[in-house]
């Protein structure tokens, strides 16, 4: 990507403007790269550009005290070859303002995008004011994107009275409409945390409300088209336009139940390394992330602070994990499950997380985590893809969580909602934190499996509440004293105008591990 515009000091720009008889309106922020970006004109029309360039909307993410990332992708035909774009370089003007009408413009600049990145654009904004709401947009060739609302985090260590958060997961396109996202956007959250399974890689199924656009995806072009299909949904776009997102992935962004370099089906070994590279590239091209893929990897784990209130620790439970023990799915226990060499996070990420937990200063330590951490045995069997398949590393993590003031783990994946007590089952330790599992946006489970799962899980003492029958999201209001969460359920996946209501509400109090139903 290329950032253009004069790289001048404020004094140089003011002197130059005075010489031209112009008034000063200096942008107060800048894109990454240093210097001010000022007076960027709308890019001239590029020959051959089709209409509808901004069909996928815009998005923002990773809010820091002084900035965030803004994103778009030019794709007038999102599921067509090349997104319907010619293979040319296109200049884009980006703008950030403190009002939705852009009368108070605080930063603007230009970024160029090409077919090599699916005509996506990522702009990292820095030097903005902390704890401030902003609006942003992109323009090129006379076409303007939708306007997105975003915000910066409070300054490091600054007192914070309240944070409104939505967290969500698992949005299988074929399973139903994204009714839940319209309701989530209407919550006007400060931040959205997404816990994985943004797309599903499978082929076309019959008898569902919507259809995928191809057979199972395995190439970069196919992954791009699948993201184009998902992101063309206007309700999903509403949620991206409403607030900055903090994202992590799970398995379906690549392949169901893959583990590090291991595919679910060993027969896929010859192609899986390239398939994973392509999937990671497409993921980055379609999300507001600060980092870029390097050598076939994407460094996704990171920490973000919300003043003195919350330390967010975003985990990557897929890229570095060892292969699932015993089997790739639910299996009767075996000796390999308790091997100390089994890892969900990998040694480097594990050491990083332990360091972050030990040094964090937030009142609440919130982990954005993919799969269930609270034990969930099914009689003598375990789901080896969850933390139950990696119990030694889980024990080490729970020991680290015991050292923080308030540990809360946000979890997706299971297409169910639940509240679990985090404690080490091998040592009988006290409760060290709470797991909040949100149900899926749209992904569902068969009625028979829902019944079996609920029968087992609701009988487990470590799960205070569990519901596998609803779809929706969770909303939380966090203060220095309390962490309140409402588990929201939509009434139907086949009604785009369906309602959402509170399924149940829970509260975690400062200094008191374990949640209480309210």
Protein backbone atom coordinates (compact mmCIF):
# COMPACT_ATOMS: atom_id res chain seq x y z
CA UNK A 1 0.00 0.00 0.00
CA UNK A 2 1.09 3.58 -0.60
CA UNK A 3 0.32 6.69 1.45
CA UNK A 4 0.69 9.94 -0.49
CA UNK A 5 0.42 13.64 0.15
CA UNK A 6 2.96 16.20 1.40
CA UNK A 7 5.05 15.12 4.38
CA UNK A 8 5.47 18.58 5.88
CA UNK A 9 5.63 20.09 9.32
CA UNK A 10 2.70 22.19 10.49
CA UNK A 11 4.79 25.37 10.20
CA UNK A 12 5.84 24.57 6.61
CA UNK A 13 2.24 23.95 5.56
CA UNK A 14 1.00 27.17 7.19
CA UNK A 15 3.77 29.23 5.55
CA UNK A 16 2.99 27.71 2.16
CA UNK A 17 -0.72 28.37 2.53
CA UNK A 18 -0.13 31.96 3.59
CA UNK A 19 1.96 32.51 0.47
CA UNK A 20 -0.98 31.27 -1.61
CA UNK A 21 -3.51 33.37 0.29
CA UNK A 22 -5.28 30.30 1.72
CA UNK A 23 -6.78 29.81 5.18
CA UNK A 24 -5.53 27.08 7.50
CA UNK A 25 -7.50 23.98 8.47
CA UNK A 26 -4.76 21.62 9.60
CA UNK A 27 -5.71 17.98 10.07
CA UNK A 28 -5.12 16.91 13.67
CA UNK A 29 -4.34 13.31 12.84
CA UNK A 30 -2.37 11.30 10.36
CA UNK A 31 -2.14 7.93 8.71
CA UNK A 32 0.73 5.68 9.73
CA UNK A 33 3.99 6.79 8.24
CA UNK A 34 4.65 10.12 9.94
CA UNK A 35 4.04 13.71 8.95
CA UNK A 36 0.77 15.41 8.12
CA UNK A 37 -1.42 14.46 5.21
CA UNK A 38 -3.18 17.58 4.02
CA UNK A 39 -5.38 18.75 1.22
CA UNK A 40 -5.73 15.41 -0.56
CA UNK A 41 -8.13 15.87 -3.52
CA UNK A 42 -10.65 13.24 -4.57
CA UNK A 43 -8.83 10.85 -6.92
CA UNK A 44 -9.67 11.50 -10.53
CA UNK A 45 -11.84 9.02 -12.35
CA UNK A 46 -9.88 5.92 -13.32
CA UNK A 47 -10.75 4.60 -16.79
CA UNK A 48 -12.70 1.35 -16.72
CA UNK A 49 -13.95 1.53 -13.13
CA UNK A 50 -17.42 0.01 -12.77
CA UNK A 51 -20.22 1.39 -10.63
CA UNK A 52 -20.94 0.09 -7.13
CA UNK A 53 -17.33 -0.03 -5.97
CA UNK A 54 -18.21 -0.03 -2.26
CA UNK A 55 -20.66 -2.94 -2.26
CA UNK A 56 -18.91 -4.47 0.76
CA UNK A 57 -19.14 -1.35 2.92
CA UNK A 58 -16.43 -0.28 5.34
CA UNK A 59 -15.11 -1.45 8.68
CA UNK A 60 -12.83 -0.37 11.51
CA UNK A 61 -10.96 -2.28 14.17
CA UNK A 62 -8.35 -2.54 16.90
CA UNK A 63 -9.07 0.74 18.72
CA UNK A 64 -6.10 2.25 20.54
CA UNK A 65 -5.97 5.48 22.52
CA UNK A 66 -4.58 7.35 19.50
CA UNK A 67 -6.16 5.56 16.57
CA UNK A 68 -7.61 2.50 14.85
CA UNK A 69 -7.63 0.73 11.49
CA UNK A 70 -10.15 1.56 8.76
CA UNK A 71 -10.86 -0.84 5.90
CA UNK A 72 -12.72 -1.24 2.65
CA UNK A 73 -12.56 -3.39 -0.46
CA UNK A 74 -13.55 -2.38 -3.97
CA UNK A 75 -15.78 -5.21 -5.19
CA UNK A 76 -18.81 -4.22 -7.27
CA UNK A 77 -19.37 -7.92 -8.08
CA UNK A 78 -18.21 -9.55 -4.79
CA UNK A 79 -18.63 -13.17 -5.93
CA UNK A 80 -17.40 -12.66 -9.47
CA UNK A 81 -13.88 -13.07 -10.79
CA UNK A 82 -11.64 -10.44 -9.24
CA UNK A 83 -14.63 -8.97 -7.42
CA UNK A 84 -15.70 -7.40 -10.69
CA UNK A 85 -12.60 -5.17 -10.75
CA UNK A 86 -10.13 -4.71 -13.59
CA UNK A 87 -6.51 -5.52 -12.77
CA UNK A 88 -5.42 -1.93 -12.25
CA UNK A 89 -4.10 0.21 -9.43
CA UNK A 90 -6.80 2.39 -7.92
CA UNK A 91 -6.16 5.44 -5.69
CA UNK A 92 -8.54 5.91 -2.75
CA UNK A 93 -9.03 9.00 -0.64
CA UNK A 94 -9.83 8.30 3.02
CA UNK A 95 -11.28 10.82 5.48
CA UNK A 96 -11.79 10.84 9.25
CA UNK A 97 -13.93 13.44 11.03
CA UNK A 98 -15.53 14.11 14.39
CA UNK A 99 -18.99 14.45 12.81
CA UNK A 100 -20.92 12.25 10.35
CA UNK A 101 -21.19 15.14 7.88
CA UNK A 102 -17.39 15.56 7.72
CA UNK A 103 -17.54 19.29 8.46
CA UNK A 104 -14.80 18.80 11.08
CA UNK A 105 -12.24 16.81 9.13
CA UNK A 106 -9.33 15.73 11.32
CA UNK A 107 -7.35 13.54 8.93
CA UNK A 108 -7.32 12.58 5.26
CA UNK A 109 -4.97 10.89 2.89
CA UNK A 110 -4.62 8.62 -0.10
CA UNK A 111 -3.95 4.91 -0.34
CA UNK A 112 -3.51 2.88 -3.51
CA UNK A 113 -4.85 -0.64 -3.88
CA UNK A 114 -4.33 -3.36 -6.46
CA UNK A 115 -5.63 -6.74 -7.54
CA UNK A 116 -2.80 -8.41 -5.60
CA UNK A 117 -4.73 -7.66 -2.38
CA UNK A 118 -8.20 -8.04 -3.91
CA UNK A 119 -8.41 -4.23 -4.11
CA UNK A 120 -8.68 -4.04 -0.32
CA UNK A 121 -7.37 -1.08 1.66
CA UNK A 122 -6.18 -0.87 5.26
CA UNK A 123 -5.31 2.49 6.78
CA UNK A 124 -3.81 2.66 10.27
CA UNK A 125 -4.71 5.95 11.94
CA UNK A 126 -2.51 7.37 14.70
CA UNK A 127 -2.18 10.67 16.63
CA UNK A 128 -5.92 11.04 17.20
CA UNK A 129 -7.57 12.08 20.45
CA UNK A 130 -8.28 9.31 22.98
CA UNK A 131 -11.79 8.29 24.05
CA UNK A 132 -13.36 10.05 21.05
CA UNK A 133 -15.97 9.04 18.48
CA UNK A 134 -15.04 9.47 14.82
CA UNK A 135 -16.63 8.88 11.42
CA UNK A 136 -14.75 7.73 8.32
CA UNK A 137 -15.30 7.10 4.62
CA UNK A 138 -13.49 6.39 1.34
CA UNK A 139 -13.93 7.99 -2.08
CA UNK A 140 -12.60 7.40 -5.56
CA UNK A 141 -13.61 8.40 -9.06
CA UNK A 142 -16.74 10.19 -7.89
CA UNK A 143 -18.00 7.25 -5.80
CA UNK A 144 -18.25 7.43 -2.02
CA UNK A 145 -18.39 4.60 0.48
CA UNK A 146 -20.91 4.28 3.30
CA UNK A 147 -19.92 6.18 6.43
CA UNK A 148 -18.62 4.18 9.36
CA UNK A 149 -18.68 5.13 13.04
CA UNK A 150 -15.69 4.22 15.15
CA UNK A 151 -13.81 5.44 18.21
CA UNK A 152 -10.51 5.49 20.00
CA UNK A 153 -9.92 3.80 23.33
CA UNK A 154 -9.41 5.86 26.49
CA UNK A 155 -5.86 6.88 27.33
CA UNK A 156 -3.70 4.26 29.00
CA UNK A 157 -4.57 4.05 32.67
CA UNK A 158 -7.33 6.67 32.41
CA UNK A 159 -10.38 6.16 34.65
CA UNK A 160 -13.35 4.73 32.73
CA UNK A 161 -16.90 4.64 34.06
CA UNK A 162 -18.39 2.22 31.52
CA UNK A 163 -17.76 0.13 28.41
CA UNK A 164 -20.60 -1.22 26.24
CA UNK A 165 -19.57 -4.31 24.34
CA UNK A 166 -21.20 -6.81 21.99
CA UNK A 167 -19.57 -10.20 21.47
CA UNK A 168 -20.58 -12.70 18.80
CA UNK A 169 -19.49 -15.71 16.76
CA UNK A 170 -20.35 -18.26 14.07
CA UNK A 171 -22.30 -16.74 11.16
CA UNK A 172 -22.99 -19.59 8.74
CA UNK A 173 -24.51 -17.89 5.69
CA UNK A 174 -26.70 -20.76 4.58
CA UNK A 175 -28.22 -21.38 8.02
CA UNK A 176 -30.24 -18.17 8.09
CA UNK A 177 -30.39 -14.41 7.84
CA UNK A 178 -28.19 -12.13 9.93
CA UNK A 179 -31.14 -10.72 11.84
CA UNK A 180 -29.04 -10.68 14.99
CA UNK A 181 -26.54 -8.23 13.49
CA UNK A 182 -29.18 -5.53 12.95
CA UNK A 183 -30.12 -5.76 16.62
CA UNK A 184 -26.48 -5.81 17.70
CA UNK A 185 -25.77 -2.66 15.66
CA UNK A 186 -28.75 -0.93 17.27
CA UNK A 187 -27.12 -1.46 20.68
CA UNK A 188 -24.61 1.27 19.66
CA UNK A 189 -21.74 -0.56 21.37
CA UNK A 190 -18.35 0.96 22.02
CA UNK A 191 -16.73 -2.16 20.58
CA UNK A 192 -17.68 -5.49 18.97
CA UNK A 193 -15.62 -8.58 19.80
CA UNK A 194 -15.86 -11.36 17.21
CA UNK A 195 -14.71 -14.81 18.32
CA UNK A 196 -14.31 -16.70 15.06
CA UNK A 197 -16.04 -18.54 12.20
CA UNK A 198 -16.62 -15.37 10.20
CA UNK A 199 -17.13 -17.51 7.10
CA UNK A 200 -17.76 -21.20 6.55
CA UNK A 201 -15.74 -23.05 3.97
CA UNK A 202 -18.23 -25.75 3.03
CA UNK A 203 -20.14 -26.21 -0.19
CA UNK A 204 -23.78 -25.76 -1.11
CA UNK A 205 -26.44 -27.43 1.03
CA UNK A 206 -30.09 -27.97 0.19
CA UNK A 207 -33.12 -27.01 2.23
CA UNK A 208 -31.60 -23.94 3.87
CA UNK A 209 -32.71 -20.30 3.77
CA UNK A 210 -29.67 -19.20 1.74
CA UNK A 211 -27.04 -20.81 -0.46
CA UNK A 212 -23.28 -20.68 -0.63
CA UNK A 213 -21.76 -19.62 -3.92
CA UNK A 214 -19.58 -22.64 -4.69
CA UNK A 215 -18.41 -26.06 -3.62
CA UNK A 216 -15.97 -26.26 -0.69
CA UNK A 217 -13.43 -23.46 -1.00
CA UNK A 218 -9.72 -24.30 -1.17
CA UNK A 219 -8.04 -21.58 -3.25
CA UNK A 220 -7.35 -17.87 -2.77
CA UNK A 221 -9.88 -16.92 -5.43
CA UNK A 222 -12.56 -19.10 -3.82
CA UNK A 223 -11.90 -17.71 -0.34
CA UNK A 224 -12.14 -14.17 -1.71
CA UNK A 225 -15.48 -14.92 -3.33
CA UNK A 226 -16.81 -16.50 -0.13
CA UNK A 227 -15.85 -13.41 1.90
CA UNK A 228 -17.48 -11.31 -0.79
CA UNK A 229 -20.71 -13.27 -0.36
CA UNK A 230 -20.72 -12.95 3.42
CA UNK A 231 -19.69 -9.30 3.57
CA UNK A 232 -22.29 -8.30 0.97
CA UNK A 233 -24.94 -8.91 3.65
CA UNK A 234 -26.26 -5.48 4.67
CA UNK A 235 -27.00 -6.50 8.25
CA UNK A 236 -23.41 -7.58 8.77
CA UNK A 237 -22.32 -4.29 7.23
CA UNK A 238 -24.55 -2.42 9.70
CA UNK A 239 -22.65 -3.97 12.58
CA UNK A 240 -19.29 -3.06 11.03
CA UNK A 241 -20.47 0.50 10.41
CA UNK A 242 -21.63 0.91 14.02
CA UNK A 243 -18.41 0.36 15.98
CA UNK A 244 -14.80 -0.82 15.83
CA UNK A 245 -14.31 -4.58 15.93
CA UNK A 246 -11.74 -6.69 17.75
CA UNK A 247 -11.48 -9.93 15.75
CA UNK A 248 -10.02 -13.37 16.06
CA UNK A 249 -10.59 -16.48 13.96
CA UNK A 250 -11.43 -20.11 14.60
CA UNK A 251 -11.36 -23.08 12.24
CA UNK A 252 -13.92 -22.43 9.48
CA UNK A 253 -11.94 -19.48 8.14
CA UNK A 254 -9.68 -22.25 6.80
CA UNK A 255 -11.15 -25.73 7.33
CA UNK A 256 -13.28 -27.36 10.02
CA UNK A 257 -11.22 -28.57 13.00
CA UNK A 258 -7.82 -27.97 11.43
CA UNK A 259 -4.96 -27.74 13.91
CA UNK A 260 -1.85 -25.74 13.05
CA UNK A 261 -0.37 -27.41 9.95
CA UNK A 262 -2.72 -30.40 10.18
CA UNK A 263 -5.92 -30.62 8.10
CA UNK A 264 -8.98 -32.41 9.41
CA UNK A 265 -8.65 -35.03 6.68
CA UNK A 266 -5.10 -36.43 6.34
CA UNK A 267 -5.80 -36.97 2.64
CA UNK A 268 -5.64 -33.17 2.25
CA UNK A 269 -2.01 -33.01 3.47
CA UNK A 270 -0.48 -32.35 0.01
CA UNK A 271 -2.53 -29.18 -0.54
CA UNK A 272 -3.14 -27.96 2.98
CA UNK A 273 -0.07 -25.76 3.44
CA UNK A 274 -1.00 -23.65 0.40
CA UNK A 275 -4.68 -23.73 1.32
CA UNK A 276 -3.88 -22.28 4.74
CA UNK A 277 -1.69 -19.56 3.21
CA UNK A 278 -4.50 -18.60 0.84
CA UNK A 279 -7.10 -18.60 3.62
CA UNK A 280 -4.95 -16.39 5.85
CA UNK A 281 -4.35 -13.97 2.99
CA UNK A 282 -8.07 -13.70 2.26
CA UNK A 283 -8.88 -13.25 5.95
CA UNK A 284 -6.51 -10.30 6.20
CA UNK A 285 -7.81 -8.79 2.95
CA UNK A 286 -11.33 -8.66 4.41
CA UNK A 287 -10.78 -7.52 8.01
CA UNK A 288 -9.68 -4.26 9.71
CA UNK A 289 -6.38 -5.61 11.03
CA UNK A 290 -3.14 -3.82 11.68
CA UNK A 291 -0.78 -6.65 10.72
CA UNK A 292 -0.22 -8.21 7.32
CA UNK A 293 0.51 -11.85 6.43
CA UNK A 294 4.20 -12.69 6.39
CA UNK A 295 5.72 -15.96 5.19
CA UNK A 296 2.32 -17.64 5.19
CA UNK A 297 1.49 -16.66 8.77
CA UNK A 298 -0.61 -13.92 10.36
CA UNK A 299 0.27 -12.69 13.85
CA UNK A 300 -3.22 -12.39 15.28
CA UNK A 301 -2.77 -12.62 19.04
CA UNK A 302 -2.50 -9.21 20.68
CA UNK A 303 -3.57 -7.10 23.67
CA UNK A 304 -5.60 -3.88 23.71
CA UNK A 305 -6.37 -1.71 26.72
CA UNK A 306 -9.53 0.24 27.51
CA UNK A 307 -8.12 2.76 29.98
CA UNK A 308 -7.94 1.40 33.50
CA UNK A 309 -11.09 -0.67 33.02
CA UNK A 310 -10.32 -3.60 30.66
CA UNK A 311 -7.30 -5.42 29.28
CA UNK A 312 -8.35 -7.34 26.17
CA UNK A 313 -6.17 -10.34 25.30
CA UNK A 314 -6.99 -11.75 21.87
CA UNK A 315 -6.03 -15.42 21.47
CA UNK A 316 -5.24 -17.46 18.38
CA UNK A 317 -6.19 -21.04 19.18
CA UNK A 318 -5.71 -22.43 15.66
CA UNK A 319 -2.47 -21.39 14.01
CA UNK A 320 -0.05 -22.86 16.56
CA UNK A 321 -1.91 -25.79 18.11
CA UNK A 322 -0.82 -29.41 18.01
CA UNK A 323 -3.10 -31.96 16.41
CA UNK A 324 -6.12 -33.05 18.42
CA UNK A 325 -5.55 -36.08 20.61
CA UNK A 326 -7.44 -39.35 20.17
CA UNK A 327 -9.44 -37.98 17.23
CA UNK A 328 -10.56 -34.75 15.61
CA UNK A 329 -13.93 -34.82 17.35
CA UNK A 330 -15.67 -36.22 20.40
CA UNK A 331 -13.81 -39.36 21.52
CA UNK A 332 -13.40 -41.62 24.51
CA UNK A 333 -10.50 -40.49 26.67
CA UNK A 334 -7.03 -41.71 25.83
CA UNK A 335 -3.55 -41.26 27.26
CA UNK A 336 -2.50 -38.79 24.55
CA UNK A 337 -5.03 -36.23 25.81
CA UNK A 338 -3.02 -35.48 28.95
CA UNK A 339 0.37 -35.34 27.24
CA UNK A 340 2.32 -32.22 28.35
CA UNK A 341 3.37 -31.69 24.73
CA UNK A 342 -0.20 -30.91 23.62
CA UNK A 343 -0.64 -27.21 23.04
CA UNK A 344 -3.51 -24.97 22.02
CA UNK A 345 -1.52 -21.72 21.91
CA UNK A 346 2.04 -22.74 21.11
CA UNK A 347 4.98 -21.90 23.37
CA UNK A 348 5.53 -18.34 22.14
CA UNK A 349 1.90 -17.26 22.46
CA UNK A 350 1.59 -18.99 25.83
CA UNK A 351 4.61 -17.10 27.20
CA UNK A 352 3.26 -13.84 25.76
CA UNK A 353 -0.13 -14.36 27.41
CA UNK A 354 1.38 -15.20 30.77
CA UNK A 355 3.44 -12.01 30.58
CA UNK A 356 0.42 -9.90 29.61
CA UNK A 357 -1.67 -11.28 32.46
CA UNK A 358 1.13 -10.67 34.96
CA UNK A 359 1.74 -7.08 33.86
CA UNK A 360 -1.78 -5.92 33.01
CA UNK A 361 -3.31 -3.08 35.00
CA UNK A 362 -6.95 -3.26 33.95
CA UNK A 363 -9.72 -3.92 36.46
CA UNK A 364 -11.00 -6.71 34.19
CA UNK A 365 -8.83 -9.12 32.17
CA UNK A 366 -10.92 -10.27 29.20
CA UNK A 367 -9.73 -13.09 26.95
CA UNK A 368 -11.18 -13.32 23.43
CA UNK A 369 -11.05 -17.09 23.09
CA UNK A 370 -12.40 -19.49 20.49
CA UNK A 371 -13.40 -22.80 22.09
CA UNK A 372 -14.87 -23.88 25.45
CA UNK A 373 -12.42 -23.63 28.33
CA UNK A 374 -14.71 -24.81 31.12
CA UNK A 375 -14.60 -28.64 31.25
CA UNK A 376 -17.39 -30.23 29.22
CA UNK A 377 -17.06 -34.02 29.39
CA UNK A 378 -19.70 -36.15 27.69
CA UNK A 379 -19.65 -39.08 30.08
CA UNK A 380 -16.27 -40.73 29.46
CA UNK A 381 -15.74 -38.84 26.20
CA UNK A 382 -14.34 -35.38 25.46
CA UNK A 383 -14.48 -32.92 22.60
CA UNK A 384 -10.81 -32.99 21.67
CA UNK A 385 -11.10 -29.76 19.67
CA UNK A 386 -11.94 -27.77 22.82
CA UNK A 387 -9.68 -27.00 25.76
CA UNK A 388 -10.68 -30.42 27.12
CA UNK A 389 -8.25 -31.81 24.55
CA UNK A 390 -5.40 -29.73 25.99
CA UNK A 391 -5.86 -30.05 29.80
CA UNK A 392 -2.22 -29.60 30.84
CA UNK A 393 -1.92 -26.26 29.07
CA UNK A 394 -5.35 -25.27 30.40
CA UNK A 395 -4.17 -25.90 33.96
CA UNK A 396 -1.19 -23.60 33.38
CA UNK A 397 -3.46 -20.90 31.96
CA UNK A 398 -5.90 -21.16 34.87
CA UNK A 399 -2.96 -20.79 37.24
CA UNK A 400 -2.08 -17.53 35.48
CA UNK A 401 -5.71 -16.35 35.63
CA UNK A 402 -5.67 -16.91 39.40
CA UNK A 403 -3.17 -14.06 39.64
CA UNK A 404 -5.38 -11.39 38.03
CA UNK A 405 -8.10 -9.40 39.75
CA UNK A 406 -11.07 -10.34 37.52
CA UNK A 407 -10.68 -12.92 34.75
CA UNK A 408 -13.42 -13.23 32.13
CA UNK A 409 -13.14 -15.54 29.13
CA UNK A 410 -15.34 -14.84 26.09
CA UNK A 411 -16.00 -17.94 23.99
CA UNK A 412 -17.79 -18.86 20.76
CA UNK A 413 -17.66 -21.93 18.51
CA UNK A 414 -20.26 -24.18 20.17
CA UNK A 415 -23.51 -22.70 18.80
CA UNK A 416 -24.75 -22.48 22.37
CA UNK A 417 -24.76 -19.94 25.17
CA UNK A 418 -23.50 -20.64 28.65
CA UNK A 419 -21.93 -19.38 31.87
CA UNK A 420 -19.13 -21.49 33.34
CA UNK A 421 -16.95 -21.44 36.43
CA UNK A 422 -13.25 -21.55 35.56
CA UNK A 423 -11.39 -23.79 37.95
CA UNK A 424 -8.76 -26.49 37.59
CA UNK A 425 -10.56 -29.81 37.74
CA UNK A 426 -7.27 -31.68 38.25
CA UNK A 427 -6.40 -29.85 41.47
CA UNK A 428 -9.81 -28.80 42.73
CA UNK A 429 -8.65 -25.18 42.83
CA UNK A 430 -10.99 -22.32 43.74
CA UNK A 431 -12.89 -20.56 40.96
CA UNK A 432 -10.45 -18.22 39.22
CA UNK A 433 -12.76 -16.61 36.67
CA UNK A 434 -15.90 -16.84 34.56
CA UNK A 435 -16.44 -18.11 31.04
CA UNK A 436 -19.16 -16.40 28.99
CA UNK A 437 -20.07 -18.44 25.93
CA UNK A 438 -22.19 -16.67 23.32
CA UNK A 439 -24.39 -18.55 20.93
CA UNK A 440 -24.04 -18.26 17.17
CA UNK A 441 -25.29 -15.45 14.96
CA UNK A 442 -26.84 -18.04 12.62
CA UNK A 443 -24.99 -21.37 12.72
CA UNK A 444 -27.15 -24.12 14.12
CA UNK A 445 -27.04 -27.70 15.34
CA UNK A 446 -29.54 -30.46 14.71
CA UNK A 447 -32.38 -30.70 17.20
CA UNK A 448 -31.23 -34.19 18.20
CA UNK A 449 -27.70 -33.00 18.99
CA UNK A 450 -29.04 -29.97 20.86
CA UNK A 451 -30.99 -32.31 23.11
CA UNK A 452 -28.03 -34.62 23.78
CA UNK A 453 -25.63 -31.74 24.41
CA UNK A 454 -28.02 -29.98 26.75
CA UNK A 455 -28.65 -33.20 28.68
CA UNK A 456 -24.97 -33.62 29.47
CA UNK A 457 -23.85 -30.03 29.93
CA UNK A 458 -26.70 -28.80 32.12
CA UNK A 459 -25.92 -31.61 34.57
CA UNK A 460 -22.31 -30.46 35.02
CA UNK A 461 -21.75 -28.42 38.21
CA UNK A 462 -19.13 -26.16 36.60
CA UNK A 463 -21.74 -24.86 34.11
CA UNK A 464 -24.12 -22.47 35.88
CA UNK A 465 -26.34 -22.06 32.83
CA UNK A 466 -26.41 -23.48 29.30
CA UNK A 467 -28.75 -23.18 26.29
CA UNK A 468 -28.09 -24.85 22.93
CA UNK A 469 -31.43 -23.95 21.35
CA UNK A 470 -31.14 -20.21 20.59
CA UNK A 471 -29.27 -18.07 18.06
CA UNK A 472 -28.17 -14.47 18.73
CA UNK A 473 -25.34 -12.58 20.44
CA UNK A 474 -24.34 -11.24 23.84
CA UNK A 475 -24.14 -7.68 25.09
CA UNK A 476 -22.18 -6.55 28.12
CA UNK A 477 -21.94 -3.40 30.20
CA UNK A 478 -18.68 -3.21 32.13
CA UNK A 479 -18.00 -0.82 35.01
CA UNK A 480 -15.28 -0.84 37.68
CA UNK A 481 -17.66 -2.70 40.01
CA UNK A 482 -19.66 -5.02 37.75
CA UNK A 483 -19.61 -6.98 34.51
CA UNK A 484 -23.24 -7.37 33.41
CA UNK A 485 -24.09 -9.56 30.42
CA UNK A 486 -27.36 -10.20 28.60
CA UNK A 487 -27.57 -13.22 26.33
CA UNK A 488 -29.72 -12.08 23.41
CA UNK A 489 -31.81 -14.47 21.30
CA UNK A 490 -33.52 -13.86 17.95
CA UNK A 491 -36.93 -15.41 17.40
CA UNK A 492 -36.21 -16.82 13.92
CA UNK A 493 -33.41 -17.15 11.38
CA UNK A 494 -35.80 -17.03 8.44
CA UNK A 495 -37.27 -13.60 9.23
CA UNK A 496 -35.06 -10.63 8.43
CA UNK A 497 -37.36 -8.42 10.52
CA UNK A 498 -37.42 -10.78 13.49
CA UNK A 499 -37.16 -9.59 17.08
CA UNK A 500 -34.41 -10.08 19.64
CA UNK A 501 -35.02 -10.50 23.34
CA UNK A 502 -33.06 -11.20 26.51
CA UNK A 503 -32.73 -14.93 27.11
CA UNK A 504 -31.06 -14.53 30.51
CA UNK A 505 -28.89 -12.01 32.38
CA UNK A 506 -25.85 -12.52 34.63
CA UNK A 507 -23.55 -10.37 36.73
CA UNK A 508 -19.93 -10.75 37.77
CA UNK A 509 -18.88 -8.52 40.66
CA UNK A 510 -15.42 -7.05 41.15
CA UNK A 511 -13.27 -9.34 43.25
CA UNK A 512 -15.84 -12.18 43.35
CA UNK A 513 -15.08 -14.91 40.74
CA UNK A 514 -18.20 -16.57 39.43
CA UNK A 515 -21.35 -15.10 37.91
CA UNK A 516 -24.77 -14.67 39.49
CA UNK A 517 -28.03 -14.70 37.56
CA UNK A 518 -29.93 -11.42 37.77
